[in-house]
Amino acid sequence: MTSAGRYDVLIKRDKVHGSLYTDPAIFAEELRKIWYRTWVFVGHESEVAQPGDYVRKRLGLQDVIMTRDRGGQLHLLLNRCAHRGNQVCDDAKGNSSAFRCPYHGWTYRNNGELVGFPFFKGYGQRKLDLALGRVPRVDSYHGFVFGSFATEGPALLEHLGAAAGEIDRLARLAEASERINAAARDAEIYNLERKPFVFGVFGLLAEATRG
């Protein structure tokens, strides 16, 4: 039976079979066809707002570090030393210009570049081109960060399709919320009458949700 036929049996209009959540073969297929092939939401740019900020994430089964380098560029780095595969970042989040593997001391910039390792003479005193692994494609839309392990494929906006419209709506609501909060602060500072302020709030919400 093909995968499509199998899922027709497991998925009904009003219910799904429990094996969809427990079958290792289905999970492996999901990883192969979705998590490691398409664009996957990872986080938000605000989580790494400043240069040097980082936060650990999961992309499928992979432990990744979302970083912002000193030039402001976002990266999704695999949390594994290129030497022996040991974890290079233990903390859930923080700010650092580099990550150092505790096993043998290999050190990487927060863009993944290898900058130092011990026993330099043992490697023929040559620079090693062994950066941290990385998610090949990283992009964001209205601050929402997505990553794809596929080196080729549709661009993010093409992948999002109609869903981009929903993100647009969320972005408008967030902008309206900021304006409302600013208006609320002004109301407190200048002790403005509440009635005009409340009507102004509803006007902002109506404007944000139109279209």
N, C-alpha and C. Protein backbone atom coordinates (compact mmCIF):
# COMPACT_ATOMS: atom_id res chain seq x y z
N MET A 1 0.85 -1.20 0.00
CA MET A 1 0.00 0.00 0.00
C MET A 1 0.88 1.24 0.00
N THR A 2 0.54 2.22 -0.84
CA THR A 2 1.29 3.47 -0.89
C THR A 2 1.04 4.28 0.37
N SER A 3 1.90 5.28 0.61
CA SER A 3 1.73 6.14 1.78
C SER A 3 0.38 6.84 1.73
N ALA A 4 0.01 7.33 0.52
CA ALA A 4 -1.26 8.04 0.39
C ALA A 4 -2.42 7.12 0.74
N GLY A 5 -2.37 5.89 0.24
CA GLY A 5 -3.43 4.93 0.54
C GLY A 5 -3.48 4.59 2.01
N ARG A 6 -2.31 4.48 2.60
CA ARG A 6 -2.25 4.17 4.03
C ARG A 6 -2.89 5.28 4.85
N TYR A 7 -2.61 6.52 4.48
CA TYR A 7 -3.15 7.63 5.25
C TYR A 7 -4.66 7.79 5.01
N ASP A 8 -5.13 7.40 3.84
CA ASP A 8 -6.59 7.42 3.59
C ASP A 8 -7.31 6.50 4.58
N VAL A 9 -6.65 5.42 4.93
CA VAL A 9 -7.25 4.48 5.89
C VAL A 9 -7.19 5.05 7.31
N LEU A 10 -6.09 5.74 7.63
CA LEU A 10 -5.89 6.23 8.98
C LEU A 10 -6.59 7.55 9.28
N ILE A 11 -6.87 8.31 8.23
CA ILE A 11 -7.46 9.64 8.43
C ILE A 11 -8.88 9.66 7.87
N LYS A 12 -9.85 9.91 8.75
CA LYS A 12 -11.24 10.01 8.35
C LYS A 12 -11.73 11.43 8.55
N ARG A 13 -12.89 11.69 8.04
CA ARG A 13 -13.44 13.05 8.10
C ARG A 13 -13.59 13.53 9.55
N ASP A 14 -13.98 12.64 10.45
CA ASP A 14 -14.28 13.03 11.83
C ASP A 14 -13.28 12.48 12.86
N LYS A 15 -12.24 11.77 12.42
CA LYS A 15 -11.31 11.21 13.38
C LYS A 15 -10.03 10.77 12.68
N VAL A 16 -8.98 10.58 13.46
CA VAL A 16 -7.72 10.06 12.95
C VAL A 16 -7.29 8.90 13.83
N HIS A 17 -6.56 7.98 13.25
CA HIS A 17 -6.10 6.80 13.99
C HIS A 17 -4.97 7.20 14.94
N GLY A 18 -4.94 6.60 16.12
CA GLY A 18 -3.94 6.93 17.12
C GLY A 18 -2.52 6.65 16.69
N SER A 19 -2.33 5.75 15.73
CA SER A 19 -0.98 5.40 15.29
C SER A 19 -0.27 6.57 14.62
N LEU A 20 -1.04 7.56 14.16
CA LEU A 20 -0.42 8.74 13.56
C LEU A 20 0.47 9.47 14.56
N TYR A 21 0.20 9.28 15.84
CA TYR A 21 0.97 9.96 16.88
C TYR A 21 2.03 9.06 17.52
N THR A 22 2.00 7.77 17.21
CA THR A 22 2.90 6.84 17.91
C THR A 22 3.75 5.97 17.00
N ASP A 23 3.40 5.85 15.73
CA ASP A 23 4.11 4.95 14.83
C ASP A 23 5.46 5.55 14.44
N PRO A 24 6.59 4.91 14.79
CA PRO A 24 7.91 5.45 14.45
C PRO A 24 8.11 5.61 12.94
N ALA A 25 7.52 4.75 12.14
CA ALA A 25 7.68 4.84 10.69
C ALA A 25 7.01 6.10 10.15
N ILE A 26 5.84 6.43 10.69
CA ILE A 26 5.14 7.65 10.28
C ILE A 26 5.93 8.88 10.70
N PHE A 27 6.49 8.84 11.92
CA PHE A 27 7.29 9.96 12.40
C PHE A 27 8.52 10.15 11.52
N ALA A 28 9.17 9.07 11.16
CA ALA A 28 10.36 9.16 10.30
C ALA A 28 10.00 9.75 8.94
N GLU A 29 8.84 9.36 8.41
CA GLU A 29 8.41 9.91 7.12
C GLU A 29 8.09 11.39 7.24
N GLU A 30 7.50 11.77 8.37
CA GLU A 30 7.19 13.18 8.62
C GLU A 30 8.47 14.01 8.68
N LEU A 31 9.48 13.48 9.38
CA LEU A 31 10.76 14.18 9.45
C LEU A 31 11.36 14.34 8.05
N ARG A 32 11.34 13.27 7.28
CA ARG A 32 11.97 13.27 5.96
C ARG A 32 11.26 14.19 4.98
N LYS A 33 9.93 14.18 5.00
CA LYS A 33 9.16 14.90 3.98
C LYS A 33 8.74 16.32 4.39
N ILE A 34 8.76 16.60 5.70
CA ILE A 34 8.32 17.93 6.15
C ILE A 34 9.45 18.67 6.85
N TRP A 35 9.88 18.15 8.00
CA TRP A 35 10.83 18.87 8.82
C TRP A 35 12.17 19.10 8.12
N TYR A 36 12.62 18.13 7.32
CA TYR A 36 13.93 18.25 6.70
C TYR A 36 13.86 18.57 5.21
N ARG A 37 12.68 18.94 4.73
CA ARG A 37 12.56 19.25 3.30
C ARG A 37 11.95 20.61 3.04
N THR A 38 11.02 21.07 3.89
CA THR A 38 10.31 22.31 3.62
C THR A 38 10.75 23.39 4.60
N TRP A 39 10.14 24.57 4.45
CA TRP A 39 10.37 25.66 5.40
C TRP A 39 9.62 25.35 6.69
N VAL A 40 10.30 25.55 7.83
CA VAL A 40 9.71 25.29 9.15
C VAL A 40 9.90 26.52 10.03
N PHE A 41 8.84 26.91 10.72
CA PHE A 41 8.93 28.04 11.64
C PHE A 41 9.87 27.70 12.80
N VAL A 42 10.78 28.62 13.11
CA VAL A 42 11.77 28.38 14.16
C VAL A 42 11.59 29.33 15.35
N GLY A 43 11.36 30.60 15.08
CA GLY A 43 11.25 31.56 16.18
C GLY A 43 10.96 32.94 15.65
N HIS A 44 11.23 33.96 16.47
CA HIS A 44 10.97 35.34 16.07
C HIS A 44 12.23 36.17 16.25
N GLU A 45 12.42 37.12 15.35
CA GLU A 45 13.62 37.95 15.39
C GLU A 45 13.80 38.67 16.72
N SER A 46 12.69 38.98 17.39
CA SER A 46 12.78 39.70 18.67
C SER A 46 13.49 38.87 19.75
N GLU A 47 13.58 37.56 19.56
CA GLU A 47 14.27 36.70 20.52
C GLU A 47 15.79 36.90 20.46
N VAL A 48 16.28 37.42 19.35
CA VAL A 48 17.70 37.72 19.19
C VAL A 48 17.81 39.15 18.68
N ALA A 49 17.32 40.07 19.48
CA ALA A 49 17.18 41.45 19.03
C ALA A 49 18.52 42.17 18.87
N GLN A 50 19.50 41.81 19.71
CA GLN A 50 20.78 42.53 19.71
C GLN A 50 21.90 41.65 19.14
N PRO A 51 22.93 42.27 18.53
CA PRO A 51 24.08 41.50 18.07
C PRO A 51 24.66 40.67 19.22
N GLY A 52 24.93 39.41 18.96
CA GLY A 52 25.45 38.52 19.98
C GLY A 52 24.37 37.71 20.68
N ASP A 53 23.11 38.11 20.54
CA ASP A 53 22.03 37.34 21.16
C ASP A 53 21.91 35.96 20.51
N TYR A 54 21.55 34.98 21.32
CA TYR A 54 21.29 33.64 20.78
C TYR A 54 20.19 32.97 21.60
N VAL A 55 19.52 32.01 20.98
CA VAL A 55 18.50 31.22 21.67
C VAL A 55 18.49 29.84 21.03
N ARG A 56 18.40 28.82 21.86
CA ARG A 56 18.38 27.45 21.33
C ARG A 56 16.98 27.06 20.90
N LYS A 57 16.90 26.33 19.78
CA LYS A 57 15.63 25.92 19.20
C LYS A 57 15.73 24.46 18.79
N ARG A 58 14.60 23.90 18.36
CA ARG A 58 14.56 22.56 17.79
C ARG A 58 13.99 22.66 16.38
N LEU A 59 14.64 22.00 15.44
CA LEU A 59 14.13 21.90 14.09
C LEU A 59 14.09 20.41 13.76
N GLY A 60 12.91 19.82 13.86
CA GLY A 60 12.82 18.37 13.81
C GLY A 60 13.49 17.81 15.06
N LEU A 61 14.43 16.90 14.87
CA LEU A 61 15.18 16.36 16.00
C LEU A 61 16.50 17.10 16.23
N GLN A 62 16.75 18.11 15.41
CA GLN A 62 18.03 18.80 15.48
C GLN A 62 18.00 19.94 16.50
N ASP A 63 19.03 19.98 17.34
CA ASP A 63 19.23 21.08 18.28
C ASP A 63 19.96 22.18 17.53
N VAL A 64 19.31 23.35 17.37
CA VAL A 64 19.93 24.44 16.62
C VAL A 64 20.01 25.69 17.50
N ILE A 65 20.96 26.54 17.16
CA ILE A 65 21.14 27.81 17.86
C ILE A 65 20.81 28.94 16.89
N MET A 66 19.79 29.72 17.22
CA MET A 66 19.47 30.90 16.41
C MET A 66 20.29 32.06 16.95
N THR A 67 21.12 32.66 16.10
CA THR A 67 22.03 33.72 16.54
C THR A 67 21.87 34.95 15.66
N ARG A 68 22.32 36.06 16.21
CA ARG A 68 22.46 37.29 15.42
C ARG A 68 23.91 37.74 15.55
N ASP A 69 24.62 37.79 14.42
CA ASP A 69 26.04 38.15 14.48
C ASP A 69 26.21 39.66 14.62
N ARG A 70 27.46 40.12 14.69
CA ARG A 70 27.71 41.53 14.93
C ARG A 70 27.26 42.42 13.78
N GLY A 71 27.08 41.81 12.61
CA GLY A 71 26.57 42.58 11.47
C GLY A 71 25.06 42.58 11.38
N GLY A 72 24.40 41.89 12.31
CA GLY A 72 22.95 41.86 12.33
C GLY A 72 22.32 40.70 11.59
N GLN A 73 23.13 39.85 10.98
CA GLN A 73 22.59 38.73 10.19
C GLN A 73 22.17 37.58 11.10
N LEU A 74 21.06 36.94 10.73
CA LEU A 74 20.56 35.78 11.48
C LEU A 74 21.20 34.49 10.97
N HIS A 75 21.44 33.56 11.89
CA HIS A 75 21.98 32.25 11.54
C HIS A 75 21.24 31.18 12.34
N LEU A 76 21.14 30.00 11.75
CA LEU A 76 20.65 28.82 12.45
C LEU A 76 21.77 27.79 12.41
N LEU A 77 22.44 27.60 13.54
CA LEU A 77 23.63 26.75 13.61
C LEU A 77 23.30 25.45 14.32
N LEU A 78 23.85 24.35 13.83
CA LEU A 78 23.67 23.08 14.50
C LEU A 78 24.51 23.07 15.77
N ASN A 79 23.90 22.67 16.87
CA ASN A 79 24.57 22.70 18.16
C ASN A 79 25.45 21.46 18.35
N ARG A 80 26.41 21.32 17.45
CA ARG A 80 27.33 20.18 17.49
C ARG A 80 28.71 20.63 17.01
N CYS A 81 29.71 20.32 17.81
CA CYS A 81 31.07 20.66 17.43
C CYS A 81 31.47 19.87 16.17
N ALA A 82 32.16 20.54 15.26
CA ALA A 82 32.58 19.89 14.02
C ALA A 82 33.70 18.87 14.26
N HIS A 83 34.27 18.87 15.45
CA HIS A 83 35.36 17.96 15.75
C HIS A 83 34.85 16.58 16.16
N ARG A 84 34.12 16.52 17.29
CA ARG A 84 33.64 15.24 17.80
C ARG A 84 32.13 15.21 18.03
N GLY A 85 31.44 16.25 17.58
CA GLY A 85 29.98 16.25 17.68
C GLY A 85 29.43 16.60 19.04
N ASN A 86 30.28 17.08 19.94
CA ASN A 86 29.81 17.46 21.27
C ASN A 86 29.01 18.75 21.20
N GLN A 87 28.08 18.94 22.13
CA GLN A 87 27.27 20.15 22.19
C GLN A 87 28.15 21.35 22.54
N VAL A 88 27.99 22.46 21.83
CA VAL A 88 28.82 23.64 22.08
C VAL A 88 28.10 24.71 22.89
N CYS A 89 26.78 24.60 22.99
CA CYS A 89 26.00 25.60 23.73
C CYS A 89 25.04 24.88 24.68
N ASP A 90 25.20 25.15 25.98
CA ASP A 90 24.35 24.51 26.99
C ASP A 90 23.17 25.40 27.41
N ASP A 91 23.38 26.70 27.42
CA ASP A 91 22.35 27.61 27.91
C ASP A 91 21.21 27.74 26.91
N ALA A 92 20.01 27.99 27.45
CA ALA A 92 18.83 28.13 26.60
C ALA A 92 18.87 29.41 25.77
N LYS A 93 19.48 30.45 26.32
CA LYS A 93 19.60 31.72 25.60
C LYS A 93 20.66 32.56 26.27
N GLY A 94 21.07 33.63 25.59
CA GLY A 94 22.08 34.50 26.16
C GLY A 94 22.65 35.43 25.12
N ASN A 95 23.83 35.96 25.41
CA ASN A 95 24.52 36.85 24.47
C ASN A 95 26.00 36.50 24.50
N SER A 96 26.53 36.17 23.34
CA SER A 96 27.94 35.79 23.26
C SER A 96 28.42 35.94 21.82
N SER A 97 29.67 36.32 21.69
CA SER A 97 30.25 36.43 20.35
C SER A 97 30.81 35.11 19.86
N ALA A 98 30.87 34.10 20.77
CA ALA A 98 31.48 32.82 20.38
C ALA A 98 30.92 31.69 21.24
N PHE A 99 31.11 30.47 20.73
CA PHE A 99 30.74 29.25 21.45
C PHE A 99 31.97 28.36 21.53
N ARG A 100 32.22 27.82 22.72
CA ARG A 100 33.41 26.99 22.93
C ARG A 100 32.98 25.59 23.35
N CYS A 101 33.45 24.60 22.60
CA CYS A 101 33.15 23.22 22.94
C CYS A 101 33.90 22.83 24.22
N PRO A 102 33.21 22.30 25.24
CA PRO A 102 33.89 21.96 26.49
C PRO A 102 34.76 20.70 26.39
N TYR A 103 34.62 19.94 25.30
CA TYR A 103 35.33 18.68 25.18
C TYR A 103 36.80 18.88 24.84
N HIS A 104 37.07 19.55 23.71
CA HIS A 104 38.45 19.80 23.30
C HIS A 104 38.75 21.28 23.08
N GLY A 105 37.82 22.14 23.41
CA GLY A 105 38.11 23.57 23.37
C GLY A 105 38.03 24.23 22.01
N TRP A 106 37.44 23.56 21.03
CA TRP A 106 37.26 24.21 19.73
C TRP A 106 36.28 25.37 19.91
N THR A 107 36.62 26.52 19.30
CA THR A 107 35.85 27.74 19.50
C THR A 107 35.33 28.27 18.16
N TYR A 108 34.07 28.69 18.18
CA TYR A 108 33.40 29.16 16.96
C TYR A 108 32.78 30.53 17.18
N ARG A 109 32.86 31.39 16.17
CA ARG A 109 32.11 32.64 16.22
C ARG A 109 30.62 32.34 16.18
N ASN A 110 29.82 33.35 16.54
CA ASN A 110 28.37 33.12 16.55
C ASN A 110 27.76 33.11 15.15
N ASN A 111 28.61 33.17 14.12
CA ASN A 111 28.12 32.92 12.75
C ASN A 111 28.53 31.51 12.29
N GLY A 112 29.14 30.74 13.21
CA GLY A 112 29.51 29.36 12.92
C GLY A 112 30.95 29.14 12.51
N GLU A 113 31.69 30.21 12.24
CA GLU A 113 33.07 30.08 11.75
C GLU A 113 34.00 29.59 12.86
N LEU A 114 34.84 28.64 12.53
CA LEU A 114 35.85 28.15 13.47
C LEU A 114 36.96 29.19 13.60
N VAL A 115 37.24 29.60 14.87
CA VAL A 115 38.26 30.63 15.08
C VAL A 115 39.45 30.14 15.90
N GLY A 116 39.31 28.99 16.56
CA GLY A 116 40.43 28.53 17.35
C GLY A 116 40.27 27.09 17.81
N PHE A 117 41.43 26.42 17.96
CA PHE A 117 41.43 25.04 18.45
C PHE A 117 42.81 24.75 19.03
N PRO A 118 42.90 23.86 20.02
CA PRO A 118 44.19 23.57 20.63
C PRO A 118 45.06 22.67 19.75
N PHE A 119 46.32 22.56 20.12
CA PHE A 119 47.29 21.69 19.43
C PHE A 119 47.40 22.06 17.94
N PHE A 120 47.56 23.37 17.72
CA PHE A 120 47.62 23.89 16.35
C PHE A 120 48.70 23.17 15.54
N LYS A 121 49.86 22.87 16.17
CA LYS A 121 50.95 22.20 15.44
C LYS A 121 50.56 20.80 15.01
N GLY A 122 49.68 20.17 15.77
CA GLY A 122 49.26 18.82 15.44
C GLY A 122 48.44 18.74 14.16
N TYR A 123 47.95 19.87 13.71
CA TYR A 123 47.19 19.92 12.45
C TYR A 123 48.01 20.57 11.34
N GLY A 124 49.33 20.49 11.48
CA GLY A 124 50.20 21.03 10.44
C GLY A 124 50.22 22.54 10.39
N GLN A 125 49.84 23.19 11.51
CA GLN A 125 49.83 24.65 11.59
C GLN A 125 49.05 25.28 10.43
N ARG A 126 47.95 24.66 10.10
CA ARG A 126 47.12 25.19 9.02
C ARG A 126 45.72 25.48 9.52
N LYS A 127 45.10 26.43 8.86
CA LYS A 127 43.72 26.79 9.22
C LYS A 127 42.77 25.70 8.74
N LEU A 128 41.88 25.27 9.62
CA LEU A 128 40.92 24.22 9.27
C LEU A 128 39.59 24.84 8.85
N ASP A 129 39.08 24.37 7.74
CA ASP A 129 37.79 24.86 7.26
C ASP A 129 36.69 23.94 7.80
N LEU A 130 36.47 24.03 9.11
CA LEU A 130 35.51 23.15 9.78
C LEU A 130 34.57 24.00 10.63
N ALA A 131 33.64 24.67 9.99
CA ALA A 131 32.67 25.50 10.69
C ALA A 131 31.58 24.63 11.30
N LEU A 132 30.79 25.22 12.18
CA LEU A 132 29.60 24.53 12.67
C LEU A 132 28.66 24.25 11.52
N GLY A 133 27.97 23.12 11.58
CA GLY A 133 26.94 22.88 10.59
C GLY A 133 25.85 23.92 10.71
N ARG A 134 25.14 24.14 9.63
CA ARG A 134 24.12 25.18 9.66
C ARG A 134 22.91 24.77 8.84
N VAL A 135 21.79 25.37 9.15
CA VAL A 135 20.60 25.21 8.32
C VAL A 135 20.85 26.01 7.04
N PRO A 136 20.81 25.37 5.86
CA PRO A 136 21.25 26.04 4.63
C PRO A 136 20.48 27.30 4.27
N ARG A 137 19.18 27.28 4.52
CA ARG A 137 18.39 28.46 4.14
C ARG A 137 17.65 29.00 5.36
N VAL A 138 17.82 30.31 5.57
CA VAL A 138 17.16 31.01 6.67
C VAL A 138 16.52 32.27 6.11
N ASP A 139 15.26 32.50 6.46
CA ASP A 139 14.56 33.69 5.99
C ASP A 139 13.52 34.08 7.03
N SER A 140 13.03 35.31 6.93
CA SER A 140 12.01 35.75 7.88
C SER A 140 10.94 36.55 7.16
N TYR A 141 9.77 36.55 7.75
CA TYR A 141 8.64 37.31 7.20
C TYR A 141 7.94 37.99 8.36
N HIS A 142 7.93 39.33 8.34
CA HIS A 142 7.39 40.11 9.45
C HIS A 142 8.01 39.70 10.79
N GLY A 143 9.29 39.33 10.75
CA GLY A 143 9.99 38.97 11.97
C GLY A 143 9.89 37.50 12.35
N PHE A 144 9.02 36.74 11.69
CA PHE A 144 8.90 35.30 11.96
C PHE A 144 9.99 34.57 11.19
N VAL A 145 10.85 33.85 11.91
CA VAL A 145 12.03 33.22 11.30
C VAL A 145 11.72 31.78 10.92
N PHE A 146 12.09 31.43 9.69
CA PHE A 146 11.90 30.08 9.18
C PHE A 146 13.24 29.53 8.71
N GLY A 147 13.39 28.22 8.79
CA GLY A 147 14.59 27.58 8.28
C GLY A 147 14.24 26.38 7.42
N SER A 148 15.12 26.04 6.49
CA SER A 148 14.92 24.88 5.64
C SER A 148 16.24 24.14 5.47
N PHE A 149 16.22 22.83 5.72
CA PHE A 149 17.41 22.01 5.50
C PHE A 149 17.63 21.72 4.02
N ALA A 150 16.63 22.00 3.20
CA ALA A 150 16.78 21.78 1.75
C ALA A 150 17.58 22.93 1.15
N THR A 151 18.62 22.59 0.40
CA THR A 151 19.45 23.64 -0.21
C THR A 151 18.75 24.33 -1.37
N GLU A 152 17.77 23.66 -1.95
CA GLU A 152 17.01 24.24 -3.06
C GLU A 152 15.53 24.02 -2.82
N GLY A 153 14.72 24.84 -3.48
CA GLY A 153 13.28 24.70 -3.34
C GLY A 153 12.60 26.06 -3.40
N PRO A 154 11.29 26.07 -3.18
CA PRO A 154 10.54 27.33 -3.24
C PRO A 154 11.06 28.33 -2.22
N ALA A 155 10.98 29.61 -2.59
CA ALA A 155 11.32 30.67 -1.64
C ALA A 155 10.27 30.69 -0.52
N LEU A 156 10.61 31.33 0.58
CA LEU A 156 9.71 31.32 1.74
C LEU A 156 8.34 31.86 1.40
N LEU A 157 8.29 33.00 0.73
CA LEU A 157 6.99 33.61 0.44
C LEU A 157 6.15 32.70 -0.44
N GLU A 158 6.77 32.03 -1.38
CA GLU A 158 6.04 31.08 -2.22
C GLU A 158 5.52 29.92 -1.38
N HIS A 159 6.34 29.45 -0.46
CA HIS A 159 5.93 28.35 0.42
C HIS A 159 4.76 28.75 1.30
N LEU A 160 4.77 29.97 1.83
CA LEU A 160 3.71 30.42 2.73
C LEU A 160 2.37 30.53 2.03
N GLY A 161 2.39 30.97 0.77
CA GLY A 161 1.14 31.08 0.02
C GLY A 161 0.13 31.95 0.75
N ALA A 162 -1.11 31.44 0.90
CA ALA A 162 -2.18 32.20 1.54
C ALA A 162 -1.89 32.47 3.02
N ALA A 163 -1.07 31.65 3.63
CA ALA A 163 -0.74 31.85 5.04
C ALA A 163 -0.04 33.19 5.27
N ALA A 164 0.61 33.71 4.25
CA ALA A 164 1.27 35.02 4.38
C ALA A 164 0.26 36.10 4.73
N GLY A 165 -0.95 35.96 4.20
CA GLY A 165 -2.00 36.93 4.50
C GLY A 165 -2.36 36.94 5.97
N GLU A 166 -2.35 35.75 6.60
CA GLU A 166 -2.64 35.68 8.03
C GLU A 166 -1.52 36.31 8.85
N ILE A 167 -0.28 36.12 8.39
CA ILE A 167 0.84 36.76 9.09
C ILE A 167 0.76 38.27 8.92
N ASP A 168 0.35 38.73 7.73
CA ASP A 168 0.14 40.16 7.52
C ASP A 168 -0.87 40.71 8.51
N ARG A 169 -1.95 39.97 8.73
CA ARG A 169 -3.01 40.42 9.65
C ARG A 169 -2.46 40.49 11.07
N LEU A 170 -1.68 39.47 11.48
CA LEU A 170 -1.09 39.49 12.81
C LEU A 170 -0.16 40.68 12.98
N ALA A 171 0.59 40.99 11.93
CA ALA A 171 1.52 42.12 12.00
C ALA A 171 0.75 43.43 12.15
N ARG A 172 -0.39 43.57 11.43
CA ARG A 172 -1.21 44.79 11.57
C ARG A 172 -1.76 44.91 12.98
N LEU A 173 -2.22 43.78 13.55
CA LEU A 173 -2.75 43.81 14.91
C LEU A 173 -1.66 44.16 15.92
N ALA A 174 -0.45 43.64 15.70
CA ALA A 174 0.65 43.95 16.60
C ALA A 174 0.99 45.44 16.53
N GLU A 175 0.98 45.98 15.32
CA GLU A 175 1.26 47.41 15.15
C GLU A 175 0.19 48.24 15.84
N ALA A 176 -1.08 47.82 15.67
CA ALA A 176 -2.18 48.54 16.32
C ALA A 176 -2.05 48.47 17.82
N SER A 177 -1.62 47.29 18.33
CA SER A 177 -1.44 47.13 19.78
C SER A 177 -0.39 48.08 20.30
N GLU A 178 0.71 48.24 19.55
CA GLU A 178 1.76 49.17 19.95
C GLU A 178 1.23 50.59 20.01
N ARG A 179 0.42 50.96 19.01
CA ARG A 179 -0.16 52.30 18.99
C ARG A 179 -1.13 52.51 20.15
N ILE A 180 -1.88 51.44 20.47
CA ILE A 180 -2.81 51.52 21.59
C ILE A 180 -2.06 51.68 22.91
N ASN A 181 -1.00 50.90 23.06
CA ASN A 181 -0.20 51.01 24.28
C ASN A 181 0.41 52.40 24.43
N ALA A 182 0.87 52.94 23.30
CA ALA A 182 1.44 54.30 23.33
C ALA A 182 0.37 55.30 23.72
N ALA A 183 -0.85 55.14 23.18
CA ALA A 183 -1.95 56.04 23.52
C ALA A 183 -2.31 55.91 25.00
N ALA A 184 -2.26 54.67 25.51
CA ALA A 184 -2.56 54.45 26.93
C ALA A 184 -1.54 55.14 27.81
N ARG A 185 -0.27 55.06 27.41
CA ARG A 185 0.77 55.73 28.20
C ARG A 185 0.56 57.24 28.19
N ASP A 186 0.22 57.77 27.03
CA ASP A 186 -0.03 59.21 26.94
C ASP A 186 -1.22 59.61 27.81
N ALA A 187 -2.24 58.75 27.83
CA ALA A 187 -3.43 59.03 28.64
C ALA A 187 -3.07 59.10 30.11
N GLU A 188 -2.18 58.22 30.54
CA GLU A 188 -1.76 58.25 31.94
C GLU A 188 -0.91 59.48 32.24
N ILE A 189 -0.02 59.80 31.32
CA ILE A 189 0.89 60.91 31.55
C ILE A 189 0.14 62.23 31.65
N TYR A 190 -0.79 62.43 30.72
CA TYR A 190 -1.48 63.72 30.64
C TYR A 190 -2.87 63.69 31.28
N ASN A 191 -3.20 62.52 31.90
CA ASN A 191 -4.48 62.41 32.59
C ASN A 191 -5.65 62.79 31.68
N LEU A 192 -5.65 62.23 30.47
CA LEU A 192 -6.70 62.55 29.50
C LEU A 192 -8.00 61.90 29.90
N GLU A 193 -9.10 62.43 29.36
CA GLU A 193 -10.41 61.83 29.59
C GLU A 193 -10.46 60.43 28.99
N ARG A 194 -11.06 59.49 29.69
CA ARG A 194 -11.04 58.10 29.24
C ARG A 194 -11.98 57.84 28.07
N LYS A 195 -13.09 58.52 28.00
CA LYS A 195 -14.07 58.23 26.95
C LYS A 195 -13.47 58.43 25.56
N PRO A 196 -12.87 59.56 25.24
CA PRO A 196 -12.26 59.71 23.90
C PRO A 196 -11.19 58.66 23.63
N PHE A 197 -10.45 58.31 24.69
CA PHE A 197 -9.39 57.31 24.51
C PHE A 197 -9.97 55.96 24.12
N VAL A 198 -11.04 55.52 24.80
CA VAL A 198 -11.65 54.23 24.51
C VAL A 198 -12.16 54.19 23.09
N PHE A 199 -12.84 55.23 22.64
CA PHE A 199 -13.33 55.25 21.27
C PHE A 199 -12.17 55.23 20.28
N GLY A 200 -11.06 55.89 20.65
CA GLY A 200 -9.89 55.87 19.79
C GLY A 200 -9.30 54.48 19.67
N VAL A 201 -9.31 53.72 20.76
CA VAL A 201 -8.81 52.35 20.75
C VAL A 201 -9.61 51.50 19.78
N PHE A 202 -10.95 51.57 19.86
CA PHE A 202 -11.77 50.77 18.96
C PHE A 202 -11.55 51.20 17.51
N GLY A 203 -11.30 52.46 17.28
CA GLY A 203 -11.03 52.92 15.93
C GLY A 203 -9.73 52.34 15.38
N LEU A 204 -8.71 52.26 16.22
CA LEU A 204 -7.44 51.67 15.81
C LEU A 204 -7.60 50.20 15.49
N LEU A 205 -8.34 49.47 16.33
CA LEU A 205 -8.56 48.05 16.08
C LEU A 205 -9.33 47.82 14.79
N ALA A 206 -10.34 48.63 14.55
CA ALA A 206 -11.12 48.49 13.32
C ALA A 206 -10.24 48.73 12.09
N GLU A 207 -9.37 49.74 12.22
CA GLU A 207 -8.48 50.06 11.09
C GLU A 207 -7.50 48.92 10.83
N ALA A 208 -7.00 48.30 11.92
CA ALA A 208 -6.00 47.23 11.77
C ALA A 208 -6.60 45.97 11.17
N THR A 209 -7.87 45.70 11.44
CA THR A 209 -8.47 44.43 11.01
C THR A 209 -9.17 44.55 9.67
N ARG A 210 -9.22 45.74 9.09
CA ARG A 210 -9.87 45.87 7.78
C ARG A 210 -9.02 45.22 6.71
N GLY A 211 -9.67 44.61 5.74
CA GLY A 211 -8.98 44.03 4.57
C GLY A 211 -8.34 42.71 4.88
